[in-house]
Amino acid sequence: MKLQDMIGLAVRDVEEGNEVGKIVDILLDSNWKITGIELESKSFFNNHVKVVAWEEIVAYGEDAVMIRSESSVEKTESEQIAHTFILGKNKIKDLQVLTATGTIIGRVSDVYFDQKMGNTIVALEISDGLVTDLIEGRKWLPCSDEMSIGENAVMVPAMSEERLQKAINIVNG
């Protein structure tokens, strides 16, 4: 499943079935694990965001994410969040993907995780620009322990460009 597919999904509690919000972002740590989801918030000038920890998610599908209860939603300071997928100053989407030898192999356009493996990121979808994407299609790079998230780039091992594969939905749990 792609993280982009989760953006906009309704979040409901399993106790009452009430909708508690919609997902606006996914929270990640530096070990390529999903740590939670961020819900829409009505205040624009607040440095707090509404989040649900990954452990509070009971199930997720293509239509909704189910959480234990409405009390699973907590306010967190945005400064406390290590990385996000799409919003904020530490977002991963659109970061350059740079090899240890200095080769730029593209930008992060999406992130894959395998539902059977829980919250582990398994691959990055790499875009090499609109024209290349249209002609050749996007590629995906399997994650490895040597990959790290920097301030301005995702650092990957040398020769990672040889590990790129055509982006097809083979990681869809």
N, C-alpha and C. Protein backbone atom coordinates (compact mmCIF):
# COMPACT_ATOMS: atom_id res chain seq x y z
N MET A 1 0.85 -1.18 0.00
CA MET A 1 0.00 0.00 0.00
C MET A 1 0.89 1.24 0.00
N LYS A 2 0.44 2.28 -0.68
CA LYS A 2 1.18 3.53 -0.72
C LYS A 2 0.66 4.47 0.36
N LEU A 3 1.57 5.28 0.92
CA LEU A 3 1.14 6.26 1.90
C LEU A 3 0.18 7.26 1.29
N GLN A 4 0.40 7.64 0.05
CA GLN A 4 -0.47 8.60 -0.63
C GLN A 4 -1.92 8.11 -0.63
N ASP A 5 -2.12 6.80 -0.69
CA ASP A 5 -3.47 6.23 -0.70
C ASP A 5 -4.18 6.40 0.63
N MET A 6 -3.43 6.62 1.71
CA MET A 6 -4.05 6.79 3.03
C MET A 6 -4.49 8.24 3.28
N ILE A 7 -3.86 9.19 2.57
CA ILE A 7 -4.21 10.60 2.76
C ILE A 7 -5.68 10.80 2.37
N GLY A 8 -6.44 11.43 3.24
CA GLY A 8 -7.84 11.70 2.98
C GLY A 8 -8.80 10.64 3.49
N LEU A 9 -8.28 9.49 3.93
CA LEU A 9 -9.18 8.45 4.44
C LEU A 9 -9.84 8.91 5.74
N ALA A 10 -11.08 8.47 5.93
CA ALA A 10 -11.79 8.73 7.18
C ALA A 10 -11.18 7.89 8.29
N VAL A 11 -11.14 8.45 9.49
CA VAL A 11 -10.67 7.73 10.67
C VAL A 11 -11.88 7.56 11.58
N ARG A 12 -12.18 6.31 11.94
CA ARG A 12 -13.35 6.00 12.77
C ARG A 12 -12.94 5.20 13.99
N ASP A 13 -13.68 5.40 15.08
CA ASP A 13 -13.40 4.59 16.27
C ASP A 13 -14.26 3.33 16.22
N VAL A 14 -13.70 2.21 16.69
CA VAL A 14 -14.42 0.94 16.62
C VAL A 14 -15.47 0.81 17.71
N GLU A 15 -15.40 1.61 18.77
CA GLU A 15 -16.39 1.53 19.84
C GLU A 15 -17.76 2.00 19.38
N GLU A 16 -17.82 3.18 18.77
CA GLU A 16 -19.09 3.77 18.38
C GLU A 16 -19.27 3.87 16.86
N GLY A 17 -18.17 3.75 16.12
CA GLY A 17 -18.23 3.90 14.67
C GLY A 17 -18.22 5.35 14.22
N ASN A 18 -17.98 6.28 15.16
CA ASN A 18 -17.97 7.70 14.83
C ASN A 18 -16.73 8.08 14.03
N GLU A 19 -16.92 8.96 13.08
CA GLU A 19 -15.78 9.50 12.35
C GLU A 19 -15.12 10.56 13.22
N VAL A 20 -13.81 10.40 13.47
CA VAL A 20 -13.08 11.35 14.32
C VAL A 20 -12.23 12.31 13.50
N GLY A 21 -12.18 12.11 12.21
CA GLY A 21 -11.41 13.00 11.34
C GLY A 21 -10.99 12.32 10.07
N LYS A 22 -10.16 13.05 9.32
CA LYS A 22 -9.58 12.52 8.08
C LYS A 22 -8.06 12.65 8.17
N ILE A 23 -7.37 11.73 7.53
CA ILE A 23 -5.90 11.74 7.56
C ILE A 23 -5.38 12.83 6.63
N VAL A 24 -4.49 13.67 7.16
CA VAL A 24 -3.83 14.68 6.33
C VAL A 24 -2.35 14.38 6.14
N ASP A 25 -1.79 13.52 7.00
CA ASP A 25 -0.38 13.18 6.86
C ASP A 25 -0.08 11.90 7.63
N ILE A 26 1.08 11.33 7.33
CA ILE A 26 1.56 10.12 7.99
C ILE A 26 2.87 10.48 8.71
N LEU A 27 3.03 9.99 9.94
CA LEU A 27 4.22 10.27 10.74
C LEU A 27 5.18 9.10 10.64
N LEU A 28 6.47 9.42 10.49
CA LEU A 28 7.51 8.41 10.33
C LEU A 28 8.67 8.70 11.28
N ASP A 29 9.45 7.66 11.57
CA ASP A 29 10.68 7.89 12.33
C ASP A 29 11.87 7.66 11.40
N SER A 30 13.06 7.85 11.92
CA SER A 30 14.27 7.73 11.10
C SER A 30 14.63 6.28 10.80
N ASN A 31 13.93 5.31 11.40
CA ASN A 31 14.17 3.89 11.14
C ASN A 31 13.21 3.31 10.10
N TRP A 32 12.55 4.19 9.33
CA TRP A 32 11.62 3.80 8.28
C TRP A 32 10.44 3.01 8.83
N LYS A 33 9.89 3.50 9.93
CA LYS A 33 8.68 2.93 10.53
C LYS A 33 7.61 4.02 10.57
N ILE A 34 6.37 3.63 10.33
CA ILE A 34 5.24 4.55 10.49
C ILE A 34 4.94 4.62 11.99
N THR A 35 4.92 5.83 12.55
CA THR A 35 4.67 5.97 13.98
C THR A 35 3.24 6.43 14.27
N GLY A 36 2.55 6.96 13.27
CA GLY A 36 1.19 7.40 13.50
C GLY A 36 0.62 8.13 12.31
N ILE A 37 -0.57 8.69 12.52
CA ILE A 37 -1.24 9.47 11.49
C ILE A 37 -1.60 10.83 12.06
N GLU A 38 -1.62 11.82 11.21
CA GLU A 38 -2.05 13.17 11.60
C GLU A 38 -3.43 13.41 11.02
N LEU A 39 -4.30 13.95 11.88
CA LEU A 39 -5.66 14.24 11.45
C LEU A 39 -5.82 15.71 11.13
N GLU A 40 -6.82 16.00 10.32
CA GLU A 40 -7.10 17.39 9.98
C GLU A 40 -7.36 18.19 11.25
N SER A 41 -6.96 19.45 11.21
CA SER A 41 -7.15 20.33 12.36
C SER A 41 -7.71 21.64 11.86
N LYS A 42 -8.59 22.23 12.61
CA LYS A 42 -9.24 23.45 12.17
C LYS A 42 -8.42 24.71 12.45
N SER A 43 -7.47 24.65 13.38
CA SER A 43 -6.69 25.85 13.71
C SER A 43 -5.42 25.89 12.88
N PHE A 44 -5.21 27.02 12.20
CA PHE A 44 -4.06 27.16 11.32
C PHE A 44 -2.85 27.75 12.02
N PHE A 45 -3.06 28.47 13.12
CA PHE A 45 -1.96 29.18 13.77
C PHE A 45 -1.53 28.49 15.06
N ASN A 46 -1.78 27.21 15.16
CA ASN A 46 -1.44 26.46 16.35
C ASN A 46 -0.28 25.53 16.03
N ASN A 47 0.65 25.37 16.97
CA ASN A 47 1.78 24.47 16.70
C ASN A 47 1.50 23.06 17.23
N HIS A 48 0.23 22.78 17.57
CA HIS A 48 -0.18 21.44 17.97
C HIS A 48 -0.92 20.78 16.81
N VAL A 49 -0.74 19.49 16.68
CA VAL A 49 -1.46 18.72 15.67
C VAL A 49 -2.16 17.55 16.35
N LYS A 50 -3.23 17.09 15.73
CA LYS A 50 -3.96 15.93 16.25
C LYS A 50 -3.36 14.68 15.62
N VAL A 51 -2.90 13.75 16.48
CA VAL A 51 -2.27 12.54 15.98
C VAL A 51 -2.88 11.31 16.65
N VAL A 52 -2.73 10.19 15.95
CA VAL A 52 -3.09 8.89 16.49
C VAL A 52 -1.84 8.02 16.33
N ALA A 53 -1.38 7.46 17.45
CA ALA A 53 -0.21 6.58 17.40
C ALA A 53 -0.55 5.30 16.64
N TRP A 54 0.44 4.75 15.95
CA TRP A 54 0.24 3.55 15.14
C TRP A 54 -0.35 2.41 15.98
N GLU A 55 0.05 2.30 17.23
CA GLU A 55 -0.42 1.22 18.09
C GLU A 55 -1.92 1.31 18.36
N GLU A 56 -2.50 2.49 18.18
CA GLU A 56 -3.93 2.69 18.42
C GLU A 56 -4.78 2.35 17.19
N ILE A 57 -4.13 2.05 16.08
CA ILE A 57 -4.85 1.70 14.86
C ILE A 57 -5.16 0.20 14.90
N VAL A 58 -6.45 -0.11 14.79
CA VAL A 58 -6.91 -1.49 14.87
C VAL A 58 -6.90 -2.14 13.50
N ALA A 59 -7.31 -1.39 12.48
CA ALA A 59 -7.37 -1.91 11.12
C ALA A 59 -7.38 -0.74 10.15
N TYR A 60 -7.00 -1.03 8.91
CA TYR A 60 -7.07 -0.01 7.87
C TYR A 60 -7.31 -0.69 6.54
N GLY A 61 -8.07 0.02 5.72
CA GLY A 61 -8.40 -0.51 4.41
C GLY A 61 -8.46 0.63 3.42
N GLU A 62 -9.05 0.37 2.27
CA GLU A 62 -9.08 1.40 1.23
C GLU A 62 -10.13 2.47 1.49
N ASP A 63 -11.05 2.24 2.45
CA ASP A 63 -12.10 3.22 2.73
C ASP A 63 -11.96 3.94 4.06
N ALA A 64 -11.34 3.32 5.04
CA ALA A 64 -11.25 3.93 6.37
C ALA A 64 -10.12 3.32 7.19
N VAL A 65 -9.74 4.08 8.21
CA VAL A 65 -8.79 3.60 9.21
C VAL A 65 -9.56 3.52 10.52
N MET A 66 -9.47 2.38 11.19
CA MET A 66 -10.21 2.16 12.43
C MET A 66 -9.24 2.28 13.61
N ILE A 67 -9.64 3.09 14.60
CA ILE A 67 -8.83 3.26 15.81
C ILE A 67 -9.62 2.75 17.01
N ARG A 68 -8.91 2.52 18.13
CA ARG A 68 -9.55 1.95 19.33
C ARG A 68 -10.71 2.78 19.83
N SER A 69 -10.49 4.07 20.02
CA SER A 69 -11.54 4.95 20.54
C SER A 69 -11.17 6.40 20.23
N GLU A 70 -12.12 7.29 20.46
CA GLU A 70 -11.85 8.71 20.24
C GLU A 70 -10.74 9.21 21.15
N SER A 71 -10.54 8.56 22.30
CA SER A 71 -9.47 8.97 23.22
C SER A 71 -8.08 8.63 22.67
N SER A 72 -8.02 7.89 21.57
CA SER A 72 -6.74 7.60 20.91
C SER A 72 -6.16 8.82 20.22
N VAL A 73 -7.00 9.83 19.97
CA VAL A 73 -6.55 11.06 19.32
C VAL A 73 -5.91 11.95 20.38
N GLU A 74 -4.66 12.34 20.15
CA GLU A 74 -3.93 13.18 21.10
C GLU A 74 -3.40 14.41 20.39
N LYS A 75 -3.19 15.46 21.15
CA LYS A 75 -2.54 16.66 20.61
C LYS A 75 -1.05 16.54 20.88
N THR A 76 -0.26 16.81 19.85
CA THR A 76 1.19 16.74 19.94
C THR A 76 1.77 18.00 19.34
N GLU A 77 2.86 18.48 19.93
CA GLU A 77 3.53 19.62 19.33
C GLU A 77 4.19 19.18 18.03
N SER A 78 4.03 19.98 16.99
CA SER A 78 4.58 19.61 15.69
C SER A 78 6.10 19.46 15.74
N GLU A 79 6.74 20.15 16.67
CA GLU A 79 8.21 20.05 16.82
C GLU A 79 8.64 18.66 17.28
N GLN A 80 7.74 17.92 17.92
CA GLN A 80 8.05 16.59 18.46
C GLN A 80 8.03 15.49 17.40
N ILE A 81 7.52 15.81 16.21
CA ILE A 81 7.38 14.81 15.16
C ILE A 81 8.68 14.73 14.36
N ALA A 82 9.24 13.53 14.28
CA ALA A 82 10.53 13.35 13.59
C ALA A 82 10.41 13.64 12.10
N HIS A 83 9.54 12.92 11.42
CA HIS A 83 9.37 13.09 9.98
C HIS A 83 7.90 12.90 9.62
N THR A 84 7.50 13.57 8.57
CA THR A 84 6.16 13.40 8.03
C THR A 84 6.29 13.01 6.56
N PHE A 85 5.20 12.54 6.00
CA PHE A 85 5.24 12.17 4.59
C PHE A 85 5.07 13.38 3.69
N ILE A 86 4.05 14.21 3.95
CA ILE A 86 3.67 15.19 2.94
C ILE A 86 3.71 16.65 3.40
N LEU A 87 3.61 16.91 4.70
CA LEU A 87 3.54 18.28 5.21
C LEU A 87 4.69 18.57 6.18
N GLY A 88 4.90 19.84 6.46
CA GLY A 88 5.85 20.21 7.51
C GLY A 88 7.27 20.35 7.03
N LYS A 89 8.13 20.75 7.95
CA LYS A 89 9.51 21.03 7.58
C LYS A 89 10.36 19.77 7.43
N ASN A 90 9.93 18.66 8.00
CA ASN A 90 10.69 17.41 7.91
C ASN A 90 10.00 16.39 7.01
N LYS A 91 9.36 16.87 5.95
CA LYS A 91 8.62 15.96 5.07
C LYS A 91 9.57 15.16 4.18
N ILE A 92 9.14 13.95 3.84
CA ILE A 92 9.95 13.06 3.01
C ILE A 92 9.59 13.19 1.54
N LYS A 93 8.30 13.44 1.26
CA LYS A 93 7.89 13.57 -0.14
C LYS A 93 8.67 14.70 -0.80
N ASP A 94 9.15 14.47 -1.99
CA ASP A 94 9.91 15.41 -2.82
C ASP A 94 11.36 15.60 -2.39
N LEU A 95 11.83 14.88 -1.35
CA LEU A 95 13.26 14.95 -1.03
C LEU A 95 14.05 14.27 -2.14
N GLN A 96 15.24 14.82 -2.43
CA GLN A 96 16.11 14.16 -3.39
C GLN A 96 16.59 12.83 -2.81
N VAL A 97 16.80 11.87 -3.68
CA VAL A 97 17.39 10.59 -3.30
C VAL A 97 18.81 10.60 -3.85
N LEU A 98 19.78 10.58 -2.96
CA LEU A 98 21.18 10.80 -3.28
C LEU A 98 22.01 9.60 -2.83
N THR A 99 22.84 9.08 -3.73
CA THR A 99 23.70 7.95 -3.36
C THR A 99 24.92 8.46 -2.60
N ALA A 100 25.58 7.55 -1.91
CA ALA A 100 26.77 7.88 -1.14
C ALA A 100 27.91 8.35 -2.05
N THR A 101 27.81 8.05 -3.35
CA THR A 101 28.83 8.49 -4.30
C THR A 101 28.46 9.80 -4.98
N GLY A 102 27.33 10.41 -4.57
CA GLY A 102 26.96 11.73 -5.08
C GLY A 102 26.06 11.73 -6.30
N THR A 103 25.41 10.63 -6.61
CA THR A 103 24.51 10.56 -7.76
C THR A 103 23.08 10.78 -7.30
N ILE A 104 22.40 11.74 -7.91
CA ILE A 104 20.98 11.96 -7.62
C ILE A 104 20.19 11.02 -8.51
N ILE A 105 19.37 10.16 -7.89
CA ILE A 105 18.61 9.21 -8.69
C ILE A 105 17.13 9.60 -8.81
N GLY A 106 16.77 10.74 -8.25
CA GLY A 106 15.40 11.24 -8.38
C GLY A 106 14.91 11.85 -7.08
N ARG A 107 13.60 11.95 -6.97
CA ARG A 107 12.94 12.50 -5.78
C ARG A 107 11.90 11.50 -5.28
N VAL A 108 11.66 11.51 -3.98
CA VAL A 108 10.64 10.64 -3.39
C VAL A 108 9.26 11.14 -3.83
N SER A 109 8.50 10.27 -4.50
CA SER A 109 7.15 10.66 -4.89
C SER A 109 6.10 9.93 -4.05
N ASP A 110 6.44 8.77 -3.52
CA ASP A 110 5.55 8.05 -2.62
C ASP A 110 6.36 7.04 -1.83
N VAL A 111 5.72 6.43 -0.85
CA VAL A 111 6.38 5.46 0.02
C VAL A 111 5.46 4.26 0.14
N TYR A 112 6.04 3.05 0.01
CA TYR A 112 5.28 1.82 0.10
C TYR A 112 5.47 1.17 1.47
N PHE A 113 4.40 0.60 1.99
CA PHE A 113 4.54 -0.28 3.14
C PHE A 113 3.69 -1.50 2.90
N ASP A 114 4.11 -2.62 3.46
CA ASP A 114 3.42 -3.88 3.26
C ASP A 114 2.50 -4.10 4.45
N GLN A 115 1.20 -4.19 4.21
CA GLN A 115 0.24 -4.34 5.29
C GLN A 115 0.52 -5.57 6.14
N LYS A 116 1.08 -6.61 5.57
CA LYS A 116 1.38 -7.82 6.32
C LYS A 116 2.55 -7.60 7.27
N MET A 117 3.40 -6.61 6.97
CA MET A 117 4.57 -6.33 7.81
C MET A 117 4.29 -5.21 8.81
N GLY A 118 3.05 -4.76 8.90
CA GLY A 118 2.70 -3.73 9.87
C GLY A 118 3.09 -2.34 9.42
N ASN A 119 3.95 -1.69 10.20
CA ASN A 119 4.27 -0.29 9.94
C ASN A 119 5.65 -0.08 9.32
N THR A 120 6.21 -1.11 8.73
CA THR A 120 7.55 -1.01 8.14
C THR A 120 7.48 -0.53 6.69
N ILE A 121 8.26 0.51 6.40
CA ILE A 121 8.38 1.01 5.03
C ILE A 121 9.24 0.01 4.25
N VAL A 122 8.78 -0.41 3.09
CA VAL A 122 9.52 -1.41 2.32
C VAL A 122 10.16 -0.85 1.06
N ALA A 123 9.67 0.29 0.56
CA ALA A 123 10.24 0.84 -0.67
C ALA A 123 9.86 2.30 -0.83
N LEU A 124 10.68 3.01 -1.61
CA LEU A 124 10.40 4.39 -1.98
C LEU A 124 10.07 4.42 -3.46
N GLU A 125 9.03 5.16 -3.81
CA GLU A 125 8.74 5.39 -5.23
C GLU A 125 9.53 6.62 -5.64
N ILE A 126 10.31 6.49 -6.70
CA ILE A 126 11.22 7.55 -7.14
C ILE A 126 10.73 8.15 -8.45
N SER A 127 10.67 9.48 -8.47
CA SER A 127 10.33 10.20 -9.69
C SER A 127 11.60 10.85 -10.22
N ASP A 128 11.79 10.79 -11.52
CA ASP A 128 12.95 11.42 -12.15
C ASP A 128 12.51 12.58 -13.03
N GLY A 129 11.35 13.17 -12.69
CA GLY A 129 10.82 14.28 -13.47
C GLY A 129 9.64 13.85 -14.31
N LEU A 130 8.79 14.79 -14.65
CA LEU A 130 7.54 14.51 -15.35
C LEU A 130 7.76 13.81 -16.69
N VAL A 131 8.68 14.32 -17.49
CA VAL A 131 8.90 13.74 -18.82
C VAL A 131 9.40 12.31 -18.70
N THR A 132 10.37 12.08 -17.83
CA THR A 132 10.90 10.72 -17.65
C THR A 132 9.83 9.81 -17.09
N ASP A 133 9.02 10.31 -16.14
CA ASP A 133 7.94 9.51 -15.58
C ASP A 133 6.95 9.09 -16.67
N LEU A 134 6.64 10.01 -17.59
CA LEU A 134 5.70 9.69 -18.66
C LEU A 134 6.28 8.69 -19.65
N ILE A 135 7.56 8.84 -19.97
CA ILE A 135 8.19 7.97 -20.96
C ILE A 135 8.54 6.61 -20.38
N GLU A 136 9.23 6.61 -19.24
CA GLU A 136 9.74 5.37 -18.66
C GLU A 136 8.92 4.85 -17.49
N GLY A 137 8.11 5.72 -16.88
CA GLY A 137 7.38 5.34 -15.68
C GLY A 137 8.24 5.59 -14.44
N ARG A 138 7.58 5.62 -13.30
CA ARG A 138 8.32 5.79 -12.05
C ARG A 138 8.97 4.49 -11.67
N LYS A 139 9.95 4.60 -10.79
CA LYS A 139 10.68 3.42 -10.32
C LYS A 139 10.51 3.34 -8.81
N TRP A 140 10.78 2.18 -8.25
CA TRP A 140 10.79 2.08 -6.80
C TRP A 140 12.08 1.44 -6.34
N LEU A 141 12.50 1.88 -5.16
CA LEU A 141 13.77 1.44 -4.58
C LEU A 141 13.47 0.73 -3.28
N PRO A 142 13.80 -0.56 -3.18
CA PRO A 142 13.58 -1.28 -1.93
C PRO A 142 14.39 -0.63 -0.80
N CYS A 143 13.79 -0.53 0.38
CA CYS A 143 14.49 0.06 1.53
C CYS A 143 15.54 -0.91 2.07
N SER A 144 16.58 -0.33 2.63
CA SER A 144 17.63 -1.12 3.27
C SER A 144 18.07 -0.39 4.53
N ASP A 145 18.80 -1.10 5.38
CA ASP A 145 19.28 -0.52 6.64
C ASP A 145 20.24 0.63 6.42
N GLU A 146 20.88 0.68 5.26
CA GLU A 146 21.87 1.72 4.98
C GLU A 146 21.24 3.05 4.56
N MET A 147 19.94 3.07 4.33
CA MET A 147 19.27 4.30 3.90
C MET A 147 19.00 5.18 5.11
N SER A 148 19.17 6.50 4.93
CA SER A 148 18.90 7.43 6.03
C SER A 148 18.22 8.68 5.50
N ILE A 149 17.46 9.31 6.39
CA ILE A 149 16.73 10.52 6.03
C ILE A 149 17.52 11.71 6.53
N GLY A 150 17.98 12.54 5.60
CA GLY A 150 18.70 13.75 5.95
C GLY A 150 17.78 14.95 5.89
N GLU A 151 18.33 16.11 6.15
CA GLU A 151 17.53 17.33 6.13
C GLU A 151 17.08 17.69 4.72
N ASN A 152 17.96 17.45 3.73
CA ASN A 152 17.66 17.85 2.36
C ASN A 152 17.64 16.69 1.37
N ALA A 153 17.90 15.48 1.84
CA ALA A 153 17.94 14.34 0.93
C ALA A 153 17.80 13.03 1.69
N VAL A 154 17.35 12.02 0.97
CA VAL A 154 17.39 10.65 1.48
C VAL A 154 18.69 10.07 0.96
N MET A 155 19.55 9.66 1.88
CA MET A 155 20.84 9.09 1.50
C MET A 155 20.70 7.58 1.35
N VAL A 156 21.18 7.08 0.20
CA VAL A 156 21.10 5.65 -0.10
C VAL A 156 22.49 5.15 -0.43
N PRO A 157 22.72 3.84 -0.32
CA PRO A 157 24.04 3.29 -0.61
C PRO A 157 24.46 3.51 -2.07
N ALA A 158 25.75 3.47 -2.29
CA ALA A 158 26.29 3.53 -3.66
C ALA A 158 25.67 2.40 -4.47
N MET A 159 25.53 2.63 -5.74
CA MET A 159 24.99 1.64 -6.68
C MET A 159 23.49 1.37 -6.50
N SER A 160 22.80 2.22 -5.73
CA SER A 160 21.35 2.02 -5.54
C SER A 160 20.58 2.19 -6.83
N GLU A 161 21.11 2.98 -7.75
CA GLU A 161 20.41 3.16 -9.03
C GLU A 161 20.27 1.84 -9.77
N GLU A 162 21.15 0.88 -9.48
CA GLU A 162 21.05 -0.44 -10.11
C GLU A 162 19.96 -1.29 -9.46
N ARG A 163 19.51 -0.90 -8.26
CA ARG A 163 18.46 -1.64 -7.56
C ARG A 163 17.07 -1.10 -7.88
N LEU A 164 16.99 -0.01 -8.66
CA LEU A 164 15.69 0.56 -9.02
C LEU A 164 14.89 -0.44 -9.85
N GLN A 165 13.59 -0.50 -9.60
CA GLN A 165 12.71 -1.39 -10.34
C GLN A 165 11.51 -0.60 -10.82
N LYS A 166 10.86 -1.08 -11.86
CA LYS A 166 9.66 -0.40 -12.36
C LYS A 166 8.59 -0.41 -11.27
N ALA A 167 7.95 0.75 -11.07
CA ALA A 167 6.92 0.88 -10.04
C ALA A 167 5.62 0.25 -10.49
N ILE A 168 5.33 -0.90 -9.93
CA ILE A 168 4.05 -1.57 -10.13
C ILE A 168 3.55 -1.98 -8.75
N ASN A 169 2.32 -2.26 -8.63
CA ASN A 169 1.76 -2.55 -7.32
C ASN A 169 2.04 -3.99 -6.89
N ILE A 170 3.32 -4.28 -6.61
CA ILE A 170 3.64 -5.61 -6.12
C ILE A 170 3.81 -5.59 -4.61
N VAL A 171 3.70 -4.42 -4.01
CA VAL A 171 3.82 -4.32 -2.56
C VAL A 171 2.47 -3.88 -2.01
N ASN A 172 1.44 -4.62 -2.29
CA ASN A 172 0.11 -4.19 -1.89
C ASN A 172 -0.57 -5.12 -0.91
N GLY A 173 0.20 -5.80 -0.11
CA GLY A 173 -0.27 -6.62 1.00
C GLY A 173 -1.51 -7.31 0.88
